[in-house]
Every structure is written in structure tokens, then in C-alpha cells.
Amino acid sequence: MLEVWGRRSAFNVQKVLWTVGELGLAHTHVDAGGAAGGLDTARFLAMNPHGRIPVLVDGAATLWESHTIVRYLAATHGAGLLWPEAPAARSLAERWMDWTLATLQPDFMRLFWGFYRTPEPARDARAIDEACERCAAHYRLLDAHLADRPFLAGDAFTMGDIPAGTSLFRYFEMGVAVPELPNVRRWYRRLCERSAYREHAMRPFDELRGRTEF
């Protein structure tokens, strides 16, 4: 049985749990990080020497890095579904995964930490405004891409939707100003129809408000 290590409120862990849920895979969740701690133990560091979550254990295979784990699960259990069989279609899904990691996520996390996780008296308003503007530009780019397709890689939901899609609940709910994004909003509604998304990505994140320690 699969083991997924990490706290459920962690953004990168949610990507993995959402993928596991989409595939209907039996798994055990092991709380790690945050209040649970444990990332500096010898056992955990043997699984991931960087001391970061998530970690996936699948028999003899131990994986870290959330997008690598999503790809692994999709390739192993979701061929023709989350893992498009046509190389061109698969490359489109992977492009959006890579774009999310390299472009969207750094600014999104800068905004989330600067605005939501930093206590209000310590916030840097200028840095927050800059991160907000950069995120708005990224989501507008997504909005343009989604103008003529329901999902990021085309007509069907794939692994390509998971990394960027995981950010939407927090982006729309944390209380920052967001631009008009009609196509992203339609995509978001489609994701909200998926039970695995509701269970794993639409989780309350109040425990993180004003907390910088984990």
C-alpha cells in the first residue's frame, strides 16, 4: 500500500493526495511536518535527505518532489487518463506542470506567505502588492489559454491540471484582490465537481494564518 508523508494543509502534499484520490488508490497518510514534526529524524531523512514533504513510499520505491510524485502516480496508475498516451498531449500537460513550478508557484507562495502567513503588523505591503500583480498576470495567462478548452491539456482532465489547480482554492479564498478570470473560474468550477479535489485541495487553511514557523 502507498504511504503519503506530509501534513494535509501543505500545498505540495495536497497535489499528491489529490492525485491519489483521482486514481482511487489505497494508501496510508502519515502526518509529518508542521505540528507533527518529524522531518529531521533519521528515518525521514533516509527517505528524503532534504527534510521536505511530501514523500511517497510505494513498495521499494521512495519518491520526493511533488511534481515528480504526480508524474510517477499518473504514469504508473493513470495511463490514458491522468497520463495522456499521445506524446504531444502529454508534453502539453507536462509543460503546464513545469510552468507552475517555475513561474506561478514562486509568486503564489510569495503572496501566500507575505499576506496570509505573515502576522499583519509584520507584513510588507509593497512586496505583497508586487506579488499580487505578478500572480494576476500569471492567472490571466492561464485564463487566455483556457478560452477554448475546458482543461489545461485539452478536452480531458490530466495530471497537467493538478499543480496549478491546487492553488485556486487558496488564491480565491485568502482575501486578496483577484482579477476577472472567467475562463479560470469555469475551470475552477469543473475542478470543484471532482470529489478528490474537494477532499484534498479545498481544505480549510485557517491554521496557517499568521504562522511563519511551519
N, C-alpha and C. Protein backbone atom coordinates (compact mmCIF):
# COMPACT_ATOMS: atom_id res chain seq x y z
N MET A 1 0.85 -1.20 0.00
CA MET A 1 0.00 0.00 0.00
C MET A 1 0.88 1.25 0.00
N LEU A 2 0.45 2.26 -0.73
CA LEU A 2 1.18 3.51 -0.78
C LEU A 2 1.18 4.20 0.59
N GLU A 3 2.26 4.90 0.87
CA GLU A 3 2.32 5.80 2.02
C GLU A 3 2.58 7.20 1.50
N VAL A 4 1.77 8.16 1.95
CA VAL A 4 1.99 9.57 1.64
C VAL A 4 2.33 10.28 2.93
N TRP A 5 3.53 10.87 2.97
CA TRP A 5 4.01 11.57 4.16
C TRP A 5 3.86 13.07 3.96
N GLY A 6 3.31 13.74 4.98
CA GLY A 6 3.20 15.19 4.94
C GLY A 6 1.91 15.65 5.58
N ARG A 7 1.88 16.93 5.98
CA ARG A 7 0.65 17.46 6.59
C ARG A 7 -0.36 17.81 5.49
N ARG A 8 -1.62 17.58 5.79
CA ARG A 8 -2.68 17.76 4.78
C ARG A 8 -2.86 19.20 4.35
N SER A 9 -2.45 20.15 5.16
CA SER A 9 -2.60 21.55 4.79
C SER A 9 -1.43 22.08 3.97
N ALA A 10 -0.45 21.23 3.68
CA ALA A 10 0.70 21.66 2.88
C ALA A 10 0.33 21.64 1.40
N PHE A 11 0.59 22.73 0.73
CA PHE A 11 0.23 22.90 -0.68
C PHE A 11 0.76 21.76 -1.55
N ASN A 12 2.03 21.41 -1.40
CA ASN A 12 2.62 20.37 -2.24
C ASN A 12 2.10 18.98 -1.89
N VAL A 13 1.78 18.76 -0.63
CA VAL A 13 1.21 17.48 -0.24
C VAL A 13 -0.19 17.33 -0.85
N GLN A 14 -0.94 18.42 -0.92
CA GLN A 14 -2.28 18.35 -1.49
C GLN A 14 -2.26 17.92 -2.95
N LYS A 15 -1.24 18.31 -3.70
CA LYS A 15 -1.13 17.85 -5.09
C LYS A 15 -1.07 16.32 -5.15
N VAL A 16 -0.27 15.75 -4.26
CA VAL A 16 -0.10 14.30 -4.25
C VAL A 16 -1.36 13.60 -3.79
N LEU A 17 -1.97 14.07 -2.70
CA LEU A 17 -3.18 13.44 -2.20
C LEU A 17 -4.33 13.57 -3.19
N TRP A 18 -4.42 14.69 -3.88
CA TRP A 18 -5.44 14.85 -4.92
C TRP A 18 -5.22 13.81 -6.02
N THR A 19 -3.98 13.62 -6.44
CA THR A 19 -3.69 12.63 -7.47
C THR A 19 -4.06 11.23 -7.01
N VAL A 20 -3.68 10.89 -5.79
CA VAL A 20 -4.03 9.59 -5.23
C VAL A 20 -5.54 9.41 -5.21
N GLY A 21 -6.25 10.48 -4.82
CA GLY A 21 -7.71 10.42 -4.78
C GLY A 21 -8.32 10.24 -6.16
N GLU A 22 -7.81 10.95 -7.16
CA GLU A 22 -8.32 10.82 -8.52
C GLU A 22 -8.17 9.39 -9.02
N LEU A 23 -7.09 8.74 -8.64
CA LEU A 23 -6.82 7.39 -9.12
C LEU A 23 -7.45 6.32 -8.24
N GLY A 24 -8.04 6.73 -7.12
CA GLY A 24 -8.70 5.77 -6.25
C GLY A 24 -7.75 4.77 -5.63
N LEU A 25 -6.55 5.20 -5.28
CA LEU A 25 -5.53 4.28 -4.79
C LEU A 25 -5.60 4.13 -3.28
N ALA A 26 -5.56 2.90 -2.84
CA ALA A 26 -5.46 2.65 -1.40
C ALA A 26 -4.14 3.19 -0.89
N HIS A 27 -4.19 3.88 0.22
CA HIS A 27 -2.97 4.49 0.73
C HIS A 27 -3.10 4.75 2.22
N THR A 28 -1.96 4.96 2.83
CA THR A 28 -1.89 5.40 4.22
C THR A 28 -1.29 6.79 4.24
N HIS A 29 -1.92 7.67 4.99
CA HIS A 29 -1.37 9.02 5.15
C HIS A 29 -0.62 9.08 6.48
N VAL A 30 0.62 9.55 6.42
CA VAL A 30 1.44 9.70 7.62
C VAL A 30 1.66 11.18 7.85
N ASP A 31 1.10 11.70 8.92
CA ASP A 31 1.25 13.13 9.22
C ASP A 31 2.71 13.44 9.53
N ALA A 32 3.25 14.43 8.84
CA ALA A 32 4.65 14.80 9.04
C ALA A 32 4.81 16.27 8.71
N GLY A 33 5.69 16.95 9.43
CA GLY A 33 5.86 18.38 9.23
C GLY A 33 4.85 19.16 10.05
N GLY A 34 5.04 20.46 10.14
CA GLY A 34 4.13 21.29 10.92
C GLY A 34 4.12 20.87 12.37
N ALA A 35 2.93 20.81 12.95
CA ALA A 35 2.80 20.44 14.36
C ALA A 35 3.27 19.02 14.62
N ALA A 36 3.18 18.15 13.60
CA ALA A 36 3.60 16.76 13.77
C ALA A 36 5.11 16.61 13.81
N GLY A 37 5.82 17.56 13.18
CA GLY A 37 7.28 17.48 13.17
C GLY A 37 7.79 16.24 12.45
N GLY A 38 8.95 15.79 12.86
CA GLY A 38 9.48 14.53 12.36
C GLY A 38 10.35 14.63 11.12
N LEU A 39 10.51 15.84 10.56
CA LEU A 39 11.25 15.95 9.31
C LEU A 39 12.76 15.87 9.50
N ASP A 40 13.21 16.01 10.73
CA ASP A 40 14.64 15.94 11.00
C ASP A 40 15.06 14.61 11.61
N THR A 41 14.16 13.63 11.62
CA THR A 41 14.51 12.33 12.17
C THR A 41 15.33 11.53 11.16
N ALA A 42 16.08 10.58 11.68
CA ALA A 42 16.90 9.75 10.79
C ALA A 42 16.03 8.98 9.80
N ARG A 43 14.88 8.52 10.26
CA ARG A 43 14.00 7.76 9.36
C ARG A 43 13.53 8.62 8.20
N PHE A 44 13.09 9.85 8.51
CA PHE A 44 12.57 10.69 7.43
C PHE A 44 13.69 11.13 6.50
N LEU A 45 14.83 11.51 7.05
CA LEU A 45 15.94 11.95 6.21
C LEU A 45 16.49 10.84 5.34
N ALA A 46 16.30 9.59 5.75
CA ALA A 46 16.68 8.47 4.90
C ALA A 46 15.77 8.39 3.68
N MET A 47 14.52 8.87 3.83
CA MET A 47 13.60 8.89 2.70
C MET A 47 13.81 10.11 1.82
N ASN A 48 14.02 11.25 2.45
CA ASN A 48 14.28 12.49 1.72
C ASN A 48 15.37 13.27 2.45
N PRO A 49 16.57 13.26 1.93
CA PRO A 49 17.67 13.93 2.62
C PRO A 49 17.49 15.44 2.75
N HIS A 50 16.54 16.02 2.00
CA HIS A 50 16.28 17.45 2.09
C HIS A 50 15.36 17.80 3.26
N GLY A 51 14.75 16.78 3.88
CA GLY A 51 13.88 17.03 5.01
C GLY A 51 12.62 17.80 4.64
N ARG A 52 12.08 17.54 3.47
CA ARG A 52 10.90 18.27 2.99
C ARG A 52 9.78 17.28 2.66
N ILE A 53 8.57 17.76 2.74
CA ILE A 53 7.40 16.99 2.33
C ILE A 53 6.88 17.53 1.00
N PRO A 54 6.20 16.66 0.26
CA PRO A 54 5.75 15.29 0.52
C PRO A 54 6.80 14.25 0.18
N VAL A 55 6.56 13.05 0.73
CA VAL A 55 7.30 11.85 0.34
C VAL A 55 6.28 10.77 0.04
N LEU A 56 6.54 10.01 -1.01
CA LEU A 56 5.69 8.87 -1.36
C LEU A 56 6.52 7.61 -1.24
N VAL A 57 5.99 6.61 -0.54
CA VAL A 57 6.62 5.30 -0.47
C VAL A 57 5.69 4.31 -1.17
N ASP A 58 6.23 3.66 -2.19
CA ASP A 58 5.48 2.67 -2.96
C ASP A 58 6.33 1.41 -3.04
N GLY A 59 6.17 0.53 -2.06
CA GLY A 59 7.00 -0.66 -2.01
C GLY A 59 8.46 -0.28 -1.84
N ALA A 60 9.28 -0.72 -2.79
CA ALA A 60 10.71 -0.44 -2.72
C ALA A 60 11.06 0.95 -3.23
N ALA A 61 10.09 1.64 -3.82
CA ALA A 61 10.35 2.97 -4.39
C ALA A 61 9.98 4.05 -3.38
N THR A 62 10.88 5.00 -3.18
CA THR A 62 10.63 6.16 -2.33
C THR A 62 10.90 7.40 -3.16
N LEU A 63 9.89 8.27 -3.24
CA LEU A 63 9.99 9.46 -4.10
C LEU A 63 9.76 10.71 -3.29
N TRP A 64 10.43 11.80 -3.70
CA TRP A 64 10.16 13.14 -3.17
C TRP A 64 10.10 14.09 -4.34
N GLU A 65 9.68 15.31 -4.08
CA GLU A 65 9.34 16.35 -5.06
C GLU A 65 7.92 16.08 -5.61
N SER A 66 7.02 17.01 -5.32
CA SER A 66 5.60 16.78 -5.57
C SER A 66 5.29 16.51 -7.04
N HIS A 67 5.89 17.26 -7.97
CA HIS A 67 5.55 17.05 -9.37
C HIS A 67 6.09 15.73 -9.89
N THR A 68 7.24 15.32 -9.38
CA THR A 68 7.77 14.00 -9.73
C THR A 68 6.83 12.91 -9.24
N ILE A 69 6.31 13.09 -8.04
CA ILE A 69 5.38 12.10 -7.49
C ILE A 69 4.09 12.06 -8.31
N VAL A 70 3.57 13.22 -8.68
CA VAL A 70 2.35 13.26 -9.50
C VAL A 70 2.59 12.54 -10.83
N ARG A 71 3.72 12.81 -11.47
CA ARG A 71 4.04 12.14 -12.73
C ARG A 71 4.15 10.62 -12.53
N TYR A 72 4.82 10.22 -11.47
CA TYR A 72 5.00 8.79 -11.19
C TYR A 72 3.66 8.10 -11.01
N LEU A 73 2.79 8.68 -10.21
CA LEU A 73 1.48 8.08 -9.98
C LEU A 73 0.65 8.03 -11.25
N ALA A 74 0.69 9.12 -12.03
CA ALA A 74 -0.07 9.16 -13.28
C ALA A 74 0.45 8.12 -14.27
N ALA A 75 1.76 7.99 -14.38
CA ALA A 75 2.34 7.03 -15.32
C ALA A 75 2.10 5.59 -14.88
N THR A 76 2.14 5.36 -13.57
CA THR A 76 2.02 4.00 -13.04
C THR A 76 0.57 3.53 -12.99
N HIS A 77 -0.34 4.45 -12.66
CA HIS A 77 -1.72 4.04 -12.40
C HIS A 77 -2.75 4.75 -13.29
N GLY A 78 -2.33 5.75 -14.05
CA GLY A 78 -3.32 6.55 -14.78
C GLY A 78 -3.05 6.68 -16.26
N ALA A 79 -2.42 5.67 -16.87
CA ALA A 79 -2.14 5.74 -18.31
C ALA A 79 -3.45 5.86 -19.09
N GLY A 80 -3.48 6.83 -19.99
CA GLY A 80 -4.69 7.07 -20.77
C GLY A 80 -5.71 7.94 -20.05
N LEU A 81 -5.46 8.23 -18.80
CA LEU A 81 -6.35 9.08 -18.00
C LEU A 81 -5.56 10.32 -17.58
N LEU A 82 -4.98 10.28 -16.41
CA LEU A 82 -4.16 11.41 -15.98
C LEU A 82 -2.90 11.54 -16.83
N TRP A 83 -2.42 10.42 -17.35
CA TRP A 83 -1.18 10.36 -18.14
C TRP A 83 -1.57 10.19 -19.61
N PRO A 84 -1.62 11.27 -20.39
CA PRO A 84 -2.01 11.14 -21.79
C PRO A 84 -1.04 10.22 -22.54
N GLU A 85 -1.58 9.33 -23.35
CA GLU A 85 -0.73 8.38 -24.06
C GLU A 85 -0.02 9.02 -25.24
N ALA A 86 -0.64 9.98 -25.92
CA ALA A 86 -0.01 10.65 -27.05
C ALA A 86 1.10 11.57 -26.54
N PRO A 87 2.32 11.43 -27.05
CA PRO A 87 3.43 12.26 -26.54
C PRO A 87 3.16 13.75 -26.62
N ALA A 88 2.52 14.22 -27.69
CA ALA A 88 2.28 15.66 -27.81
C ALA A 88 1.32 16.14 -26.72
N ALA A 89 0.24 15.37 -26.50
CA ALA A 89 -0.72 15.73 -25.46
C ALA A 89 -0.06 15.67 -24.09
N ARG A 90 0.75 14.64 -23.88
CA ARG A 90 1.43 14.53 -22.59
C ARG A 90 2.40 15.68 -22.37
N SER A 91 3.07 16.09 -23.44
CA SER A 91 4.01 17.21 -23.30
C SER A 91 3.29 18.49 -22.92
N LEU A 92 2.05 18.68 -23.39
CA LEU A 92 1.30 19.87 -23.02
C LEU A 92 0.97 19.84 -21.53
N ALA A 93 0.54 18.69 -21.04
CA ALA A 93 0.28 18.56 -19.60
C ALA A 93 1.55 18.83 -18.80
N GLU A 94 2.67 18.29 -19.26
CA GLU A 94 3.92 18.47 -18.53
C GLU A 94 4.42 19.91 -18.60
N ARG A 95 4.16 20.58 -19.71
CA ARG A 95 4.57 21.99 -19.81
C ARG A 95 3.89 22.83 -18.75
N TRP A 96 2.59 22.59 -18.55
CA TRP A 96 1.87 23.38 -17.55
C TRP A 96 2.31 23.01 -16.14
N MET A 97 2.69 21.75 -15.93
CA MET A 97 3.25 21.37 -14.63
C MET A 97 4.57 22.10 -14.39
N ASP A 98 5.43 22.12 -15.41
CA ASP A 98 6.72 22.80 -15.26
C ASP A 98 6.56 24.30 -15.12
N TRP A 99 5.62 24.87 -15.87
CA TRP A 99 5.36 26.31 -15.77
C TRP A 99 4.88 26.67 -14.37
N THR A 100 4.01 25.84 -13.83
CA THR A 100 3.52 26.10 -12.48
C THR A 100 4.67 26.12 -11.48
N LEU A 101 5.55 25.13 -11.58
CA LEU A 101 6.65 25.02 -10.64
C LEU A 101 7.63 26.18 -10.78
N ALA A 102 7.94 26.55 -12.03
CA ALA A 102 8.99 27.54 -12.27
C ALA A 102 8.49 28.98 -12.23
N THR A 103 7.22 29.20 -12.58
CA THR A 103 6.72 30.57 -12.78
C THR A 103 5.61 30.95 -11.81
N LEU A 104 4.52 30.17 -11.80
CA LEU A 104 3.38 30.54 -10.96
C LEU A 104 3.68 30.34 -9.48
N GLN A 105 4.17 29.16 -9.12
CA GLN A 105 4.26 28.83 -7.69
C GLN A 105 5.18 29.75 -6.90
N PRO A 106 6.34 30.15 -7.41
CA PRO A 106 7.17 31.06 -6.61
C PRO A 106 6.45 32.36 -6.24
N ASP A 107 5.72 32.94 -7.20
CA ASP A 107 5.00 34.18 -6.90
C ASP A 107 3.76 33.91 -6.04
N PHE A 108 3.10 32.79 -6.30
CA PHE A 108 1.93 32.45 -5.49
C PHE A 108 2.33 32.23 -4.03
N MET A 109 3.42 31.51 -3.81
CA MET A 109 3.84 31.26 -2.43
C MET A 109 4.36 32.54 -1.78
N ARG A 110 5.00 33.42 -2.56
CA ARG A 110 5.43 34.71 -2.02
C ARG A 110 4.21 35.52 -1.55
N LEU A 111 3.14 35.47 -2.34
CA LEU A 111 1.92 36.17 -1.95
C LEU A 111 1.27 35.51 -0.74
N PHE A 112 1.17 34.20 -0.76
CA PHE A 112 0.51 33.49 0.33
C PHE A 112 1.26 33.70 1.64
N TRP A 113 2.58 33.60 1.60
CA TRP A 113 3.37 33.80 2.82
C TRP A 113 3.36 35.26 3.24
N GLY A 114 3.52 36.16 2.26
CA GLY A 114 3.59 37.57 2.61
C GLY A 114 2.29 38.12 3.16
N PHE A 115 1.16 37.66 2.61
CA PHE A 115 -0.13 38.18 3.04
C PHE A 115 -0.78 37.32 4.12
N TYR A 116 -0.85 36.02 3.90
CA TYR A 116 -1.66 35.18 4.77
C TYR A 116 -0.88 34.65 5.97
N ARG A 117 0.35 34.25 5.73
CA ARG A 117 1.10 33.60 6.80
C ARG A 117 1.91 34.57 7.65
N THR A 118 2.05 35.78 7.21
CA THR A 118 2.76 36.78 8.00
C THR A 118 1.77 37.55 8.88
N PRO A 119 2.03 37.68 10.17
CA PRO A 119 1.14 38.48 11.01
C PRO A 119 0.99 39.89 10.44
N GLU A 120 -0.20 40.42 10.51
CA GLU A 120 -0.49 41.70 9.86
C GLU A 120 0.50 42.82 10.21
N PRO A 121 0.90 42.99 11.47
CA PRO A 121 1.83 44.09 11.78
C PRO A 121 3.19 43.95 11.09
N ALA A 122 3.53 42.73 10.68
CA ALA A 122 4.85 42.49 10.09
C ALA A 122 4.79 42.42 8.56
N ARG A 123 3.64 42.61 7.97
CA ARG A 123 3.52 42.50 6.52
C ARG A 123 4.24 43.63 5.79
N ASP A 124 4.79 43.28 4.63
CA ASP A 124 5.42 44.25 3.74
C ASP A 124 4.43 44.54 2.62
N ALA A 125 3.71 45.66 2.73
CA ALA A 125 2.63 45.96 1.80
C ALA A 125 3.13 46.05 0.36
N ARG A 126 4.28 46.64 0.18
CA ARG A 126 4.81 46.78 -1.18
C ARG A 126 5.12 45.42 -1.79
N ALA A 127 5.75 44.55 -1.02
CA ALA A 127 6.07 43.21 -1.52
C ALA A 127 4.80 42.42 -1.82
N ILE A 128 3.79 42.59 -0.99
CA ILE A 128 2.52 41.91 -1.22
C ILE A 128 1.87 42.40 -2.52
N ASP A 129 1.86 43.71 -2.71
CA ASP A 129 1.28 44.27 -3.94
C ASP A 129 2.01 43.77 -5.18
N GLU A 130 3.33 43.69 -5.10
CA GLU A 130 4.10 43.21 -6.24
C GLU A 130 3.78 41.74 -6.53
N ALA A 131 3.72 40.92 -5.48
CA ALA A 131 3.39 39.51 -5.67
C ALA A 131 1.97 39.35 -6.20
N CYS A 132 1.06 40.19 -5.71
CA CYS A 132 -0.33 40.14 -6.17
C CYS A 132 -0.42 40.46 -7.66
N GLU A 133 0.33 41.46 -8.10
CA GLU A 133 0.32 41.84 -9.52
C GLU A 133 0.93 40.75 -10.38
N ARG A 134 2.00 40.14 -9.90
CA ARG A 134 2.63 39.06 -10.67
C ARG A 134 1.71 37.85 -10.77
N CYS A 135 1.05 37.51 -9.68
CA CYS A 135 0.11 36.40 -9.72
C CYS A 135 -1.05 36.70 -10.66
N ALA A 136 -1.56 37.92 -10.62
CA ALA A 136 -2.65 38.29 -11.52
C ALA A 136 -2.24 38.09 -12.97
N ALA A 137 -1.01 38.47 -13.31
CA ALA A 137 -0.53 38.28 -14.68
C ALA A 137 -0.46 36.79 -15.04
N HIS A 138 -0.01 35.97 -14.11
CA HIS A 138 0.08 34.53 -14.38
C HIS A 138 -1.32 33.92 -14.58
N TYR A 139 -2.26 34.30 -13.74
CA TYR A 139 -3.60 33.74 -13.87
C TYR A 139 -4.31 34.27 -15.11
N ARG A 140 -3.99 35.48 -15.53
CA ARG A 140 -4.55 35.98 -16.80
C ARG A 140 -4.02 35.16 -17.98
N LEU A 141 -2.76 34.77 -17.90
CA LEU A 141 -2.19 33.91 -18.94
C LEU A 141 -2.94 32.57 -18.97
N LEU A 142 -3.18 31.99 -17.82
CA LEU A 142 -3.98 30.77 -17.75
C LEU A 142 -5.37 31.00 -18.32
N ASP A 143 -5.95 32.15 -18.01
CA ASP A 143 -7.29 32.45 -18.49
C ASP A 143 -7.34 32.48 -20.01
N ALA A 144 -6.33 33.07 -20.62
CA ALA A 144 -6.28 33.12 -22.08
C ALA A 144 -6.14 31.72 -22.66
N HIS A 145 -5.31 30.90 -22.04
CA HIS A 145 -5.10 29.53 -22.53
C HIS A 145 -6.39 28.72 -22.45
N LEU A 146 -7.18 28.96 -21.41
CA LEU A 146 -8.40 28.18 -21.18
C LEU A 146 -9.60 28.71 -21.96
N ALA A 147 -9.41 29.72 -22.79
CA ALA A 147 -10.53 30.31 -23.51
C ALA A 147 -11.20 29.32 -24.46
N ASP A 148 -10.44 28.37 -25.00
CA ASP A 148 -11.01 27.44 -25.99
C ASP A 148 -10.83 25.99 -25.61
N ARG A 149 -10.68 25.72 -24.31
CA ARG A 149 -10.54 24.33 -23.86
C ARG A 149 -10.97 24.24 -22.41
N PRO A 150 -11.54 23.13 -21.99
CA PRO A 150 -12.02 23.02 -20.60
C PRO A 150 -10.92 22.71 -19.59
N PHE A 151 -9.82 22.09 -20.05
CA PHE A 151 -8.74 21.73 -19.15
C PHE A 151 -7.41 22.15 -19.77
N LEU A 152 -6.36 22.15 -18.99
CA LEU A 152 -5.10 22.72 -19.46
C LEU A 152 -4.51 21.97 -20.65
N ALA A 153 -4.69 20.66 -20.70
CA ALA A 153 -4.13 19.88 -21.80
C ALA A 153 -5.17 19.55 -22.87
N GLY A 154 -6.35 20.15 -22.80
CA GLY A 154 -7.35 19.90 -23.85
C GLY A 154 -8.72 19.60 -23.29
N ASP A 155 -9.36 18.59 -23.85
CA ASP A 155 -10.75 18.28 -23.50
C ASP A 155 -10.89 17.45 -22.24
N ALA A 156 -9.82 16.82 -21.79
CA ALA A 156 -9.91 15.91 -20.65
C ALA A 156 -9.02 16.38 -19.51
N PHE A 157 -9.43 16.08 -18.30
CA PHE A 157 -8.64 16.32 -17.11
C PHE A 157 -7.41 15.42 -17.12
N THR A 158 -6.24 16.00 -16.85
CA THR A 158 -5.00 15.23 -16.80
C THR A 158 -4.16 15.69 -15.61
N MET A 159 -2.99 15.07 -15.49
CA MET A 159 -2.06 15.49 -14.44
C MET A 159 -1.65 16.94 -14.61
N GLY A 160 -1.77 17.48 -15.82
CA GLY A 160 -1.40 18.87 -16.06
C GLY A 160 -2.25 19.86 -15.30
N ASP A 161 -3.47 19.47 -14.93
CA ASP A 161 -4.36 20.37 -14.20
C ASP A 161 -4.05 20.44 -12.71
N ILE A 162 -3.32 19.46 -12.20
CA ILE A 162 -3.20 19.32 -10.75
C ILE A 162 -2.35 20.40 -10.09
N PRO A 163 -1.12 20.66 -10.54
CA PRO A 163 -0.32 21.66 -9.81
C PRO A 163 -0.94 23.06 -9.77
N ALA A 164 -1.31 23.61 -10.94
CA ALA A 164 -1.92 24.94 -10.95
C ALA A 164 -3.29 24.92 -10.31
N GLY A 165 -4.05 23.85 -10.53
CA GLY A 165 -5.40 23.76 -9.97
C GLY A 165 -5.41 23.74 -8.46
N THR A 166 -4.37 23.18 -7.85
CA THR A 166 -4.30 23.13 -6.39
C THR A 166 -4.25 24.53 -5.79
N SER A 167 -3.72 25.49 -6.53
CA SER A 167 -3.58 26.85 -5.99
C SER A 167 -4.88 27.63 -5.94
N LEU A 168 -5.89 27.21 -6.71
CA LEU A 168 -7.05 28.08 -6.92
C LEU A 168 -7.86 28.32 -5.66
N PHE A 169 -8.07 27.29 -4.85
CA PHE A 169 -8.88 27.46 -3.65
C PHE A 169 -8.27 28.53 -2.74
N ARG A 170 -6.97 28.47 -2.54
CA ARG A 170 -6.32 29.47 -1.68
C ARG A 170 -6.30 30.84 -2.35
N TYR A 171 -6.05 30.87 -3.63
CA TYR A 171 -5.99 32.16 -4.32
C TYR A 171 -7.31 32.90 -4.22
N PHE A 172 -8.40 32.19 -4.41
CA PHE A 172 -9.71 32.83 -4.37
C PHE A 172 -10.24 33.05 -2.96
N GLU A 173 -9.72 32.35 -1.97
CA GLU A 173 -10.29 32.40 -0.62
C GLU A 173 -9.42 33.11 0.41
N MET A 174 -8.17 33.46 0.11
CA MET A 174 -7.33 34.01 1.18
C MET A 174 -7.56 35.49 1.43
N GLY A 175 -8.32 36.16 0.55
CA GLY A 175 -8.70 37.53 0.84
C GLY A 175 -7.95 38.61 0.09
N VAL A 176 -7.20 38.25 -0.94
CA VAL A 176 -6.52 39.25 -1.76
C VAL A 176 -7.40 39.60 -2.96
N ALA A 177 -7.14 40.76 -3.56
CA ALA A 177 -7.86 41.15 -4.76
C ALA A 177 -7.42 40.26 -5.92
N VAL A 178 -8.38 39.76 -6.67
CA VAL A 178 -8.07 38.92 -7.83
C VAL A 178 -8.72 39.55 -9.07
N PRO A 179 -8.11 39.36 -10.24
CA PRO A 179 -8.67 39.94 -11.46
C PRO A 179 -9.88 39.15 -11.96
N GLU A 180 -10.55 39.70 -12.95
CA GLU A 180 -11.61 38.96 -13.63
C GLU A 180 -10.98 37.82 -14.41
N LEU A 181 -11.40 36.62 -14.13
CA LEU A 181 -10.82 35.43 -14.76
C LEU A 181 -11.93 34.47 -15.16
N PRO A 182 -12.74 34.81 -16.14
CA PRO A 182 -13.91 33.98 -16.44
C PRO A 182 -13.58 32.55 -16.83
N ASN A 183 -12.52 32.37 -17.58
CA ASN A 183 -12.18 31.01 -18.02
C ASN A 183 -11.55 30.20 -16.90
N VAL A 184 -10.72 30.84 -16.10
CA VAL A 184 -10.17 30.17 -14.93
C VAL A 184 -11.28 29.82 -13.95
N ARG A 185 -12.23 30.71 -13.79
CA ARG A 185 -13.36 30.42 -12.89
C ARG A 185 -14.15 29.22 -13.39
N ARG A 186 -14.36 29.11 -14.71
CA ARG A 186 -15.07 27.94 -15.25
C ARG A 186 -14.27 26.67 -15.00
N TRP A 187 -12.97 26.75 -15.21
CA TRP A 187 -12.10 25.61 -14.93
C TRP A 187 -12.18 25.24 -13.44
N TYR A 188 -12.14 26.24 -12.59
CA TYR A 188 -12.23 26.01 -11.15
C TYR A 188 -13.55 25.31 -10.79
N ARG A 189 -14.64 25.73 -11.40
CA ARG A 189 -15.92 25.06 -11.13
C ARG A 189 -15.88 23.60 -11.56
N ARG A 190 -15.23 23.32 -12.67
CA ARG A 190 -15.09 21.92 -13.10
C ARG A 190 -14.28 21.12 -12.09
N LEU A 191 -13.22 21.72 -11.58
CA LEU A 191 -12.42 21.02 -10.57
C LEU A 191 -13.22 20.80 -9.29
N CYS A 192 -14.03 21.77 -8.92
CA CYS A 192 -14.83 21.65 -7.70
C CYS A 192 -15.86 20.53 -7.79
N GLU A 193 -16.17 20.10 -8.99
CA GLU A 193 -17.09 18.98 -9.18
C GLU A 193 -16.43 17.63 -8.90
N ARG A 194 -15.13 17.63 -8.78
CA ARG A 194 -14.39 16.39 -8.58
C ARG A 194 -14.23 16.14 -7.08
N SER A 195 -14.67 14.98 -6.63
CA SER A 195 -14.67 14.70 -5.19
C SER A 195 -13.27 14.71 -4.61
N ALA A 196 -12.27 14.24 -5.36
CA ALA A 196 -10.90 14.23 -4.83
C ALA A 196 -10.37 15.65 -4.66
N TYR A 197 -10.77 16.56 -5.52
CA TYR A 197 -10.36 17.96 -5.37
C TYR A 197 -10.99 18.57 -4.12
N ARG A 198 -12.28 18.33 -3.94
CA ARG A 198 -12.95 18.88 -2.77
C ARG A 198 -12.34 18.33 -1.49
N GLU A 199 -11.99 17.05 -1.50
CA GLU A 199 -11.47 16.43 -0.28
C GLU A 199 -10.05 16.90 0.05
N HIS A 200 -9.22 17.05 -0.96
CA HIS A 200 -7.80 17.27 -0.68
C HIS A 200 -7.29 18.68 -0.95
N ALA A 201 -7.88 19.39 -1.90
CA ALA A 201 -7.40 20.73 -2.22
C ALA A 201 -8.24 21.84 -1.60
N MET A 202 -9.50 21.55 -1.31
CA MET A 202 -10.38 22.56 -0.75
C MET A 202 -10.47 22.40 0.77
N ARG A 203 -9.34 22.29 1.39
CA ARG A 203 -9.28 22.10 2.84
C ARG A 203 -9.12 23.45 3.52
N PRO A 204 -9.77 23.65 4.65
CA PRO A 204 -9.56 24.90 5.40
C PRO A 204 -8.08 25.09 5.70
N PHE A 205 -7.62 26.32 5.61
CA PHE A 205 -6.21 26.58 5.89
C PHE A 205 -6.04 27.65 6.97
N ASP A 206 -7.05 27.79 7.81
CA ASP A 206 -7.00 28.78 8.89
C ASP A 206 -5.82 28.56 9.82
N GLU A 207 -5.40 27.30 10.00
CA GLU A 207 -4.29 27.01 10.91
C GLU A 207 -3.00 27.71 10.48
N LEU A 208 -2.94 28.15 9.22
CA LEU A 208 -1.73 28.77 8.72
C LEU A 208 -1.74 30.29 8.82
N ARG A 209 -2.87 30.88 9.18
CA ARG A 209 -2.97 32.33 9.22
C ARG A 209 -2.01 32.91 10.27
N GLY A 210 -1.16 33.82 9.82
CA GLY A 210 -0.24 34.48 10.72
C GLY A 210 0.82 33.60 11.33
N ARG A 211 1.06 32.42 10.71
CA ARG A 211 2.04 31.49 11.27
C ARG A 211 3.21 31.37 10.31
N THR A 212 4.37 31.67 10.77
CA THR A 212 5.57 31.61 9.94
C THR A 212 6.50 30.46 10.31
N GLU A 213 6.11 29.72 11.35
CA GLU A 213 7.06 28.73 11.84
C GLU A 213 7.00 27.39 11.13
N PHE A 214 5.92 27.11 10.38
CA PHE A 214 5.90 25.88 9.57
C PHE A 214 5.00 26.09 8.38
